[in-house]
N, C-alpha and C. Protein backbone atom coordinates (compact mmCIF):
# COMPACT_ATOMS: atom_id res chain seq x y z
N UNK A 1 30.83 -81.96 -26.69
CA UNK A 1 29.56 -82.53 -26.31
C UNK A 1 28.65 -82.69 -27.52
N UNK A 2 28.74 -81.75 -28.48
CA UNK A 2 27.84 -81.78 -29.62
C UNK A 2 28.50 -82.31 -30.88
N UNK A 3 29.82 -82.44 -30.86
CA UNK A 3 30.54 -82.85 -32.05
C UNK A 3 30.88 -81.69 -32.97
N UNK A 4 30.49 -80.48 -32.59
CA UNK A 4 30.77 -79.28 -33.37
C UNK A 4 31.50 -78.29 -32.46
N UNK A 5 32.54 -77.66 -32.98
CA UNK A 5 33.28 -76.65 -32.21
C UNK A 5 32.73 -75.28 -32.58
N UNK A 6 31.87 -74.69 -31.75
CA UNK A 6 31.25 -73.42 -32.11
C UNK A 6 32.21 -72.23 -32.11
N UNK A 7 33.40 -72.41 -31.59
CA UNK A 7 34.38 -71.31 -31.55
C UNK A 7 35.55 -71.55 -32.50
N UNK A 8 35.42 -72.51 -33.40
CA UNK A 8 36.54 -72.89 -34.26
C UNK A 8 37.14 -71.71 -35.03
N UNK A 9 36.28 -70.83 -35.56
CA UNK A 9 36.81 -69.75 -36.40
C UNK A 9 37.62 -68.72 -35.61
N UNK A 10 37.52 -68.73 -34.27
CA UNK A 10 38.25 -67.76 -33.47
C UNK A 10 39.46 -68.36 -32.75
N UNK A 11 39.60 -69.66 -32.80
CA UNK A 11 40.73 -70.29 -32.11
C UNK A 11 42.06 -69.82 -32.68
N UNK A 12 43.02 -69.62 -31.77
CA UNK A 12 44.40 -69.23 -32.09
C UNK A 12 44.50 -67.84 -32.73
N UNK A 13 43.47 -67.02 -32.58
CA UNK A 13 43.50 -65.67 -33.15
C UNK A 13 43.69 -64.60 -32.08
N UNK A 14 43.82 -65.02 -30.82
CA UNK A 14 44.02 -64.06 -29.72
C UNK A 14 44.71 -64.76 -28.56
N UNK A 15 45.30 -63.98 -27.68
CA UNK A 15 45.98 -64.56 -26.52
C UNK A 15 45.51 -63.94 -25.21
N UNK A 16 44.73 -62.87 -25.27
CA UNK A 16 44.23 -62.22 -24.06
C UNK A 16 42.72 -62.03 -24.16
N UNK A 17 42.09 -61.74 -23.04
CA UNK A 17 40.66 -61.46 -23.03
C UNK A 17 40.34 -60.28 -23.94
N UNK A 18 41.10 -59.21 -23.81
CA UNK A 18 40.86 -58.03 -24.65
C UNK A 18 41.06 -58.35 -26.13
N UNK A 19 42.07 -59.15 -26.45
CA UNK A 19 42.30 -59.56 -27.83
C UNK A 19 41.15 -60.39 -28.37
N UNK A 20 40.62 -61.28 -27.53
CA UNK A 20 39.48 -62.10 -27.93
C UNK A 20 38.25 -61.26 -28.20
N UNK A 21 37.99 -60.28 -27.34
CA UNK A 21 36.84 -59.39 -27.56
C UNK A 21 37.02 -58.58 -28.83
N UNK A 22 38.24 -58.15 -29.12
CA UNK A 22 38.51 -57.41 -30.34
C UNK A 22 38.20 -58.25 -31.58
N UNK A 23 38.61 -59.52 -31.56
CA UNK A 23 38.33 -60.43 -32.68
C UNK A 23 36.82 -60.61 -32.86
N UNK A 24 36.10 -60.80 -31.75
CA UNK A 24 34.65 -60.97 -31.85
C UNK A 24 33.97 -59.71 -32.37
N UNK A 25 34.42 -58.56 -31.93
CA UNK A 25 33.81 -57.29 -32.40
C UNK A 25 34.05 -57.09 -33.89
N UNK A 26 35.22 -57.46 -34.36
CA UNK A 26 35.48 -57.37 -35.81
C UNK A 26 34.56 -58.30 -36.59
N UNK A 27 34.14 -59.38 -35.96
CA UNK A 27 33.22 -60.33 -36.61
C UNK A 27 31.76 -59.89 -36.47
N UNK A 28 31.53 -58.76 -35.78
CA UNK A 28 30.19 -58.21 -35.68
C UNK A 28 29.45 -58.53 -34.39
N UNK A 29 30.15 -59.11 -33.41
CA UNK A 29 29.52 -59.45 -32.14
C UNK A 29 29.94 -58.45 -31.06
N UNK A 30 29.04 -58.18 -30.15
CA UNK A 30 29.33 -57.27 -29.03
C UNK A 30 30.31 -57.95 -28.06
N UNK A 31 30.08 -59.24 -27.79
CA UNK A 31 30.92 -59.97 -26.85
C UNK A 31 30.67 -61.47 -26.98
N UNK A 32 31.29 -62.26 -26.12
CA UNK A 32 31.17 -63.71 -26.17
C UNK A 32 29.76 -64.19 -25.83
N UNK A 33 29.03 -63.41 -25.05
CA UNK A 33 27.65 -63.77 -24.73
C UNK A 33 26.78 -63.70 -25.99
N UNK A 34 27.00 -62.67 -26.79
CA UNK A 34 26.22 -62.55 -28.03
C UNK A 34 26.54 -63.69 -29.00
N UNK A 35 27.78 -64.13 -29.04
CA UNK A 35 28.13 -65.28 -29.89
C UNK A 35 27.34 -66.51 -29.46
N UNK A 36 27.32 -66.78 -28.16
CA UNK A 36 26.58 -67.94 -27.64
C UNK A 36 25.10 -67.81 -27.96
N UNK A 37 24.56 -66.59 -27.81
CA UNK A 37 23.13 -66.37 -28.06
C UNK A 37 22.76 -66.61 -29.52
N UNK A 38 23.72 -66.50 -30.44
CA UNK A 38 23.42 -66.77 -31.85
C UNK A 38 23.55 -68.24 -32.20
N UNK A 39 24.19 -69.02 -31.32
CA UNK A 39 24.45 -70.42 -31.63
C UNK A 39 23.62 -71.43 -30.85
N UNK A 40 23.06 -70.99 -29.71
CA UNK A 40 22.30 -71.89 -28.86
C UNK A 40 20.99 -71.23 -28.46
N UNK A 41 19.90 -71.99 -28.36
CA UNK A 41 18.62 -71.40 -27.96
C UNK A 41 18.63 -70.98 -26.49
N UNK A 42 18.10 -69.79 -26.24
CA UNK A 42 17.99 -69.32 -24.85
C UNK A 42 16.81 -70.01 -24.18
N UNK A 43 17.01 -70.38 -22.94
CA UNK A 43 15.98 -71.07 -22.14
C UNK A 43 15.87 -70.37 -20.79
N UNK A 44 14.78 -70.59 -20.06
CA UNK A 44 14.73 -70.06 -18.69
C UNK A 44 15.82 -70.70 -17.83
N UNK A 45 16.42 -69.92 -16.98
CA UNK A 45 17.48 -70.44 -16.10
C UNK A 45 16.98 -71.63 -15.30
N UNK A 46 15.72 -71.61 -14.90
CA UNK A 46 15.17 -72.70 -14.10
C UNK A 46 15.15 -74.03 -14.86
N UNK A 47 15.25 -73.99 -16.20
CA UNK A 47 15.24 -75.21 -17.01
C UNK A 47 16.64 -75.68 -17.41
N UNK A 48 17.68 -74.98 -16.97
CA UNK A 48 19.05 -75.34 -17.35
C UNK A 48 19.42 -76.71 -16.79
N UNK A 49 19.99 -77.52 -17.65
CA UNK A 49 20.42 -78.88 -17.30
C UNK A 49 21.95 -78.94 -17.29
N UNK A 50 22.51 -79.99 -16.69
CA UNK A 50 23.96 -80.15 -16.75
C UNK A 50 24.46 -80.10 -18.20
N UNK A 51 25.48 -79.29 -18.43
CA UNK A 51 26.04 -79.11 -19.77
C UNK A 51 25.55 -77.87 -20.48
N UNK A 52 24.45 -77.29 -20.02
CA UNK A 52 23.98 -76.04 -20.63
C UNK A 52 24.88 -74.89 -20.21
N UNK A 53 24.93 -73.85 -21.04
CA UNK A 53 25.72 -72.67 -20.73
C UNK A 53 24.88 -71.65 -20.00
N UNK A 54 25.49 -70.97 -19.05
CA UNK A 54 24.78 -69.93 -18.31
C UNK A 54 25.65 -68.67 -18.24
N UNK A 55 24.99 -67.55 -18.10
CA UNK A 55 25.66 -66.26 -17.96
C UNK A 55 25.60 -65.87 -16.50
N UNK A 56 26.74 -65.45 -15.98
CA UNK A 56 26.79 -64.95 -14.61
C UNK A 56 27.45 -63.58 -14.62
N UNK A 57 27.15 -62.78 -13.61
CA UNK A 57 27.79 -61.49 -13.44
C UNK A 57 29.12 -61.73 -12.75
N UNK A 58 30.19 -61.25 -13.33
CA UNK A 58 31.53 -61.49 -12.78
C UNK A 58 32.17 -60.20 -12.30
N UNK A 59 31.40 -59.34 -11.66
CA UNK A 59 31.92 -58.04 -11.23
C UNK A 59 33.06 -58.13 -10.23
N UNK A 60 33.22 -59.26 -9.54
CA UNK A 60 34.30 -59.37 -8.57
C UNK A 60 35.60 -59.86 -9.18
N UNK A 61 35.59 -60.23 -10.45
CA UNK A 61 36.80 -60.68 -11.13
C UNK A 61 37.66 -59.48 -11.52
N UNK A 62 38.94 -59.71 -11.82
CA UNK A 62 39.80 -58.62 -12.29
C UNK A 62 39.28 -58.01 -13.60
N UNK A 63 38.62 -58.81 -14.42
CA UNK A 63 38.03 -58.33 -15.68
C UNK A 63 36.52 -58.40 -15.52
N UNK A 64 35.90 -57.36 -14.93
CA UNK A 64 34.47 -57.44 -14.64
C UNK A 64 33.62 -57.51 -15.90
N UNK A 65 32.44 -58.02 -15.71
CA UNK A 65 31.49 -58.15 -16.81
C UNK A 65 30.87 -59.51 -16.80
N UNK A 66 29.97 -59.75 -17.73
CA UNK A 66 29.33 -61.06 -17.76
C UNK A 66 30.32 -62.16 -18.16
N UNK A 67 30.13 -63.32 -17.58
CA UNK A 67 30.97 -64.47 -17.88
C UNK A 67 30.09 -65.66 -18.20
N UNK A 68 30.65 -66.63 -18.89
CA UNK A 68 29.94 -67.86 -19.19
C UNK A 68 30.39 -68.96 -18.25
N UNK A 69 29.46 -69.81 -17.88
CA UNK A 69 29.78 -70.97 -17.08
C UNK A 69 29.01 -72.17 -17.63
N UNK A 70 29.33 -73.33 -17.10
CA UNK A 70 28.65 -74.56 -17.51
C UNK A 70 27.84 -75.08 -16.32
N UNK A 71 26.55 -75.23 -16.53
CA UNK A 71 25.66 -75.71 -15.48
C UNK A 71 26.01 -77.15 -15.14
N UNK A 72 26.03 -77.44 -13.85
CA UNK A 72 26.27 -78.80 -13.38
C UNK A 72 25.45 -79.02 -12.13
N UNK A 73 24.17 -79.30 -12.32
CA UNK A 73 23.30 -79.54 -11.16
C UNK A 73 23.09 -78.29 -10.33
N UNK A 74 23.49 -78.35 -9.06
CA UNK A 74 23.30 -77.22 -8.15
C UNK A 74 24.42 -76.19 -8.25
N UNK A 75 25.39 -76.42 -9.09
CA UNK A 75 26.53 -75.52 -9.21
C UNK A 75 26.81 -75.19 -10.67
N UNK A 76 27.61 -74.16 -10.85
CA UNK A 76 28.05 -73.73 -12.18
C UNK A 76 29.57 -73.76 -12.19
N UNK A 77 30.15 -74.45 -13.16
CA UNK A 77 31.59 -74.42 -13.34
C UNK A 77 31.96 -73.14 -14.08
N UNK A 78 32.95 -72.42 -13.55
CA UNK A 78 33.42 -71.20 -14.18
C UNK A 78 34.95 -71.23 -14.24
N UNK A 79 35.49 -70.60 -15.26
CA UNK A 79 36.94 -70.47 -15.37
C UNK A 79 37.33 -69.14 -14.75
N UNK A 80 38.16 -69.20 -13.75
CA UNK A 80 38.62 -68.00 -13.04
C UNK A 80 40.10 -67.80 -13.34
N UNK A 81 40.64 -66.63 -13.07
CA UNK A 81 42.08 -66.41 -13.32
C UNK A 81 42.97 -67.42 -12.60
N UNK A 82 42.51 -67.94 -11.46
CA UNK A 82 43.32 -68.89 -10.71
C UNK A 82 42.92 -70.35 -10.96
N UNK A 83 42.06 -70.59 -11.94
CA UNK A 83 41.68 -71.97 -12.26
C UNK A 83 40.18 -72.16 -12.27
N UNK A 84 39.76 -73.40 -12.19
CA UNK A 84 38.34 -73.74 -12.23
C UNK A 84 37.68 -73.40 -10.90
N UNK A 85 36.50 -72.77 -10.99
CA UNK A 85 35.77 -72.41 -9.79
C UNK A 85 34.33 -72.90 -9.86
N UNK A 86 33.65 -72.81 -8.75
CA UNK A 86 32.24 -73.18 -8.67
C UNK A 86 31.44 -71.99 -8.16
N UNK A 87 30.28 -71.80 -8.75
CA UNK A 87 29.35 -70.75 -8.32
C UNK A 87 28.01 -71.43 -8.05
N UNK A 88 27.20 -70.89 -7.16
CA UNK A 88 25.88 -71.48 -6.93
C UNK A 88 24.96 -71.22 -8.12
N UNK A 89 24.08 -72.13 -8.36
CA UNK A 89 23.14 -72.05 -9.49
C UNK A 89 22.33 -70.76 -9.49
N UNK A 90 22.03 -70.23 -8.33
CA UNK A 90 21.15 -69.06 -8.26
C UNK A 90 21.79 -67.77 -8.76
N UNK A 91 23.07 -67.78 -9.14
CA UNK A 91 23.69 -66.56 -9.68
C UNK A 91 23.52 -66.46 -11.20
N UNK A 92 22.99 -67.49 -11.82
CA UNK A 92 22.81 -67.47 -13.28
C UNK A 92 21.75 -66.45 -13.68
N UNK A 93 22.08 -65.62 -14.66
CA UNK A 93 21.16 -64.59 -15.15
C UNK A 93 20.45 -65.02 -16.44
N UNK A 94 21.13 -65.81 -17.25
CA UNK A 94 20.58 -66.31 -18.52
C UNK A 94 21.09 -67.73 -18.71
N UNK A 95 20.40 -68.48 -19.57
CA UNK A 95 20.83 -69.86 -19.84
C UNK A 95 20.59 -70.18 -21.31
N UNK A 96 21.44 -71.07 -21.84
CA UNK A 96 21.36 -71.50 -23.24
C UNK A 96 21.48 -73.01 -23.29
N UNK A 97 20.57 -73.64 -24.02
CA UNK A 97 20.56 -75.10 -24.15
C UNK A 97 21.63 -75.53 -25.14
N UNK A 98 22.50 -76.40 -24.70
CA UNK A 98 23.53 -76.96 -25.57
C UNK A 98 22.97 -78.28 -26.10
N UNK A 99 22.71 -78.29 -27.40
CA UNK A 99 22.09 -79.49 -28.00
C UNK A 99 22.97 -80.08 -29.07
């Protein structure tokens, strides 16, 4: 969307969620949410537009914890273990403007 790949330096360096978190921690980040927070400006969730990134609580997933999704109007696209899923907009806890 922006012409820049913000995750380029981490691509092909892990194959699992835990491996990805390990790579990010070695780079000085707590998690994937912190990486996004350093690359995109945080905005109020109420101002999130289609294409903006949002943080949701994913406690019901096999790997609980915060997850990232992509805002799309009244819904949020999320990647789930079984494929692409939709969550309602009101579950977003934080939002970041993708510019």
